[in-house]
Amino acid sequence: MNIPNLITILRVLLIPIFILLFYLPFSWSYLAASAVFGFAAITDWLDGYLARRLEQSTPFGAFLDPVADKLMVAVALVLLVEEHATFWLTLPAAIIIGREIVISALREWMAELGARAHVSVSNLGKWKTAAQMVALVILLASPPSETVWVVLGFVLLIVAAALTLWSMVQYLIAAWPHLSPTVENK
């Protein structure tokens, strides 16, 4: 166990706290849930930075880090879809969650073929993550009323969903030679 792994575990442990805060019947609950989510999002960057800087990358960390990220984002999206109950949030949420399922399965399949490097994280994925995290922090802090912040959050989430689709297409194109039938298989 090392510091980056402990930070990743902390991120997973923050999920129930984040959910509890979101549902508390107080005027400050949205802001508190958003702050915990924002803190968890920062730890996502921090654990990766520390793992590289301190040369403490481990197989456990490589496994748990993306799982923690996906759990955190999926929970936030589910809470927001329930709370806001609008097409403008539900469709991007479904795209983002659906893409994560497709890409996780694709990476697993490519790893079985020994070609996982063809579907490793790209810079586009990092931009998608940034837009997604900022959108989620804004939306979690905002009650479901029509405010400038909610509209900004929806716009950023739609941008994140578009980047999500674009990156998924890039991953599928990179993986296509391994997924399509070859002449030798016929």
Protein backbone atom coordinates (compact mmCIF):
# COMPACT_ATOMS: atom_id res chain seq x y z
CA MET A 1 0.00 0.00 0.00
CA ASN A 2 1.33 3.43 -0.90
CA ILE A 3 0.13 7.04 -0.87
CA PRO A 4 -1.35 7.07 -4.41
CA ASN A 5 -3.29 3.86 -3.71
CA LEU A 6 -4.56 5.23 -0.40
CA ILE A 7 -5.78 8.36 -2.19
CA THR A 8 -7.60 6.20 -4.74
CA ILE A 9 -9.22 4.18 -1.95
CA LEU A 10 -10.25 7.46 -0.29
CA ARG A 11 -11.99 8.45 -3.54
CA VAL A 12 -14.05 5.26 -3.44
CA LEU A 13 -14.87 5.80 0.25
CA LEU A 14 -16.07 9.34 -0.51
CA ILE A 15 -18.85 8.04 -2.78
CA PRO A 16 -21.33 7.13 0.02
CA ILE A 17 -20.54 10.42 1.78
CA PHE A 18 -21.19 12.29 -1.44
CA ILE A 19 -24.54 10.47 -1.89
CA LEU A 20 -25.58 11.14 1.71
CA LEU A 21 -24.78 14.83 1.41
CA PHE A 22 -26.69 15.08 -1.87
CA TYR A 23 -29.89 13.77 -0.26
CA LEU A 24 -29.73 15.71 3.00
CA PRO A 25 -32.73 18.06 3.32
CA PHE A 26 -30.69 21.22 3.88
CA SER A 27 -30.12 24.24 1.66
CA TRP A 28 -26.36 23.61 1.70
CA SER A 29 -26.53 19.91 0.77
CA TYR A 30 -26.05 20.40 -2.98
CA LEU A 31 -23.01 22.58 -2.41
CA ALA A 32 -21.54 20.12 0.12
CA ALA A 33 -22.06 17.16 -2.23
CA SER A 34 -20.47 19.15 -5.05
CA ALA A 35 -17.49 20.04 -2.84
CA VAL A 36 -16.92 16.37 -1.93
CA PHE A 37 -17.23 15.38 -5.60
CA GLY A 38 -14.82 18.18 -6.59
CA PHE A 39 -12.35 17.07 -3.93
CA ALA A 40 -12.62 13.48 -5.20
CA ALA A 41 -12.05 14.69 -8.78
CA ILE A 42 -8.89 16.49 -7.65
CA THR A 43 -7.67 13.32 -5.94
CA ASP A 44 -8.01 11.58 -9.32
CA TRP A 45 -5.35 13.89 -10.71
CA LEU A 46 -3.31 13.82 -7.49
CA ASP A 47 -3.00 10.05 -7.18
CA GLY A 48 -1.79 9.72 -10.77
CA TYR A 49 0.66 12.59 -10.34
CA LEU A 50 2.06 11.14 -7.12
CA ALA A 51 2.29 7.62 -8.56
CA ARG A 52 4.42 8.94 -11.44
CA ARG A 53 6.42 11.45 -9.37
CA LEU A 54 7.18 9.04 -6.51
CA GLU A 55 7.54 6.09 -8.89
CA GLN A 56 4.87 4.22 -6.95
CA SER A 57 2.72 2.88 -9.77
CA THR A 58 1.31 -0.53 -8.89
CA PRO A 59 -0.93 -3.06 -10.65
CA PHE A 60 -3.52 -2.52 -7.88
CA GLY A 61 -3.48 1.25 -8.50
CA ALA A 62 -3.67 0.77 -12.26
CA PHE A 63 -6.77 -1.37 -11.72
CA LEU A 64 -8.51 0.66 -9.00
CA ASP A 65 -7.95 4.19 -10.35
CA PRO A 66 -10.18 3.88 -13.44
CA VAL A 67 -12.74 1.88 -11.45
CA ALA A 68 -12.92 4.64 -8.82
CA ASP A 69 -13.30 7.27 -11.55
CA LYS A 70 -16.07 5.42 -13.33
CA LEU A 71 -17.95 4.71 -10.09
CA MET A 72 -17.74 8.34 -9.01
CA VAL A 73 -18.93 9.69 -12.37
CA ALA A 74 -21.70 7.10 -12.82
CA VAL A 75 -23.08 7.77 -9.33
CA ALA A 76 -23.02 11.53 -9.93
CA LEU A 77 -24.79 11.15 -13.27
CA VAL A 78 -27.47 8.86 -11.82
CA LEU A 79 -28.15 11.31 -8.98
CA LEU A 80 -28.36 14.23 -11.39
CA VAL A 81 -30.64 12.43 -13.85
CA GLU A 82 -33.04 11.69 -11.01
CA GLU A 83 -32.86 15.21 -9.60
CA HIS A 84 -33.08 17.20 -12.83
CA ALA A 85 -35.20 14.73 -14.85
CA THR A 86 -34.59 16.37 -18.21
CA PHE A 87 -33.61 15.18 -21.66
CA TRP A 88 -30.69 17.65 -21.71
CA LEU A 89 -29.05 15.79 -18.87
CA THR A 90 -30.36 12.25 -19.40
CA LEU A 91 -29.07 11.85 -22.97
CA PRO A 92 -25.49 13.00 -22.23
CA ALA A 93 -25.50 10.87 -19.07
CA ALA A 94 -26.57 7.79 -21.04
CA ILE A 95 -23.90 8.50 -23.68
CA ILE A 96 -21.17 8.92 -21.06
CA ILE A 97 -22.10 5.82 -19.08
CA GLY A 98 -22.68 3.77 -22.24
CA ARG A 99 -19.29 4.79 -23.65
CA GLU A 100 -17.56 3.78 -20.44
CA ILE A 101 -19.12 0.32 -20.67
CA VAL A 102 -18.15 -0.06 -24.35
CA ILE A 103 -14.58 1.16 -23.85
CA SER A 104 -14.06 -0.95 -20.72
CA ALA A 105 -15.19 -4.04 -22.63
CA LEU A 106 -13.06 -3.05 -25.62
CA ARG A 107 -9.96 -2.60 -23.43
CA GLU A 108 -10.57 -5.96 -21.78
CA TRP A 109 -10.96 -7.63 -25.16
CA MET A 110 -7.87 -5.92 -26.55
CA ALA A 111 -5.87 -6.96 -23.47
CA GLU A 112 -6.84 -10.59 -24.14
CA LEU A 113 -5.47 -10.17 -27.65
CA GLY A 114 -2.29 -8.56 -26.31
CA ALA A 115 -3.13 -5.29 -28.05
CA ARG A 116 -4.34 -3.10 -25.18
CA ALA A 117 -1.87 -0.32 -26.11
CA HIS A 118 -4.02 0.39 -29.19
CA VAL A 119 -6.82 1.63 -26.88
CA SER A 120 -4.89 3.43 -24.15
CA VAL A 121 -6.01 6.81 -22.76
CA SER A 122 -5.59 9.70 -25.20
CA ASN A 123 -5.37 13.47 -24.79
CA LEU A 124 -8.93 13.71 -26.11
CA GLY A 125 -10.01 11.54 -23.18
CA LYS A 126 -8.34 13.98 -20.81
CA TRP A 127 -10.25 16.93 -22.32
CA LYS A 128 -13.46 14.91 -22.06
CA THR A 129 -12.75 14.18 -18.42
CA ALA A 130 -12.05 17.85 -17.66
CA ALA A 131 -15.30 19.05 -19.28
CA GLN A 132 -17.22 16.25 -17.59
CA MET A 133 -15.84 16.93 -14.10
CA VAL A 134 -16.43 20.69 -14.31
CA ALA A 135 -19.98 20.07 -15.58
CA LEU A 136 -20.69 17.63 -12.75
CA VAL A 137 -19.31 19.96 -10.07
CA ILE A 138 -21.51 22.79 -11.39
CA LEU A 139 -24.63 20.63 -11.72
CA LEU A 140 -24.20 18.98 -8.32
CA ALA A 141 -23.95 22.41 -6.69
CA SER A 142 -27.09 23.68 -8.45
CA PRO A 143 -30.67 22.85 -7.52
CA PRO A 144 -32.76 21.83 -10.54
CA SER A 145 -33.98 25.31 -11.36
CA GLU A 146 -33.32 27.20 -14.57
CA THR A 147 -30.24 29.22 -13.68
CA VAL A 148 -27.24 30.29 -15.66
CA TRP A 149 -25.17 27.72 -13.74
CA VAL A 150 -27.48 24.84 -14.61
CA VAL A 151 -27.47 25.84 -18.27
CA LEU A 152 -23.66 26.11 -18.22
CA GLY A 153 -23.50 22.68 -16.58
CA PHE A 154 -25.79 21.19 -19.24
CA VAL A 155 -23.71 22.77 -22.04
CA LEU A 156 -20.46 21.42 -20.57
CA LEU A 157 -22.01 17.97 -20.09
CA ILE A 158 -23.19 17.99 -23.72
CA VAL A 159 -19.65 18.98 -24.79
CA ALA A 160 -18.28 16.13 -22.64
CA ALA A 161 -20.77 13.71 -24.24
CA ALA A 162 -19.71 14.85 -27.74
CA LEU A 163 -16.03 14.38 -26.83
CA THR A 164 -16.99 11.01 -25.35
CA LEU A 165 -18.52 9.87 -28.64
CA TRP A 166 -15.58 11.21 -30.61
CA SER A 167 -13.04 9.43 -28.41
CA MET A 168 -15.07 6.22 -28.55
CA VAL A 169 -15.04 6.35 -32.35
CA GLN A 170 -11.25 6.86 -32.27
CA TYR A 171 -10.82 3.86 -29.96
CA LEU A 172 -13.05 1.69 -32.16
CA ILE A 173 -11.15 2.73 -35.29
CA ALA A 174 -7.84 1.89 -33.58
CA ALA A 175 -9.20 -1.47 -32.47
CA TRP A 176 -11.05 -2.31 -35.70
CA PRO A 177 -8.21 -4.29 -37.30
CA HIS A 178 -8.30 -6.58 -34.25
CA LEU A 179 -12.10 -6.82 -34.20
CA SER A 180 -12.88 -7.30 -37.88
CA PRO A 181 -12.57 -10.65 -39.63
CA THR A 182 -9.32 -11.09 -41.49
CA VAL A 183 -8.64 -12.98 -44.70
CA GLU A 184 -6.94 -15.74 -42.70
CA ASN A 185 -10.12 -16.30 -40.62
CA LYS A 186 -12.31 -16.91 -43.68
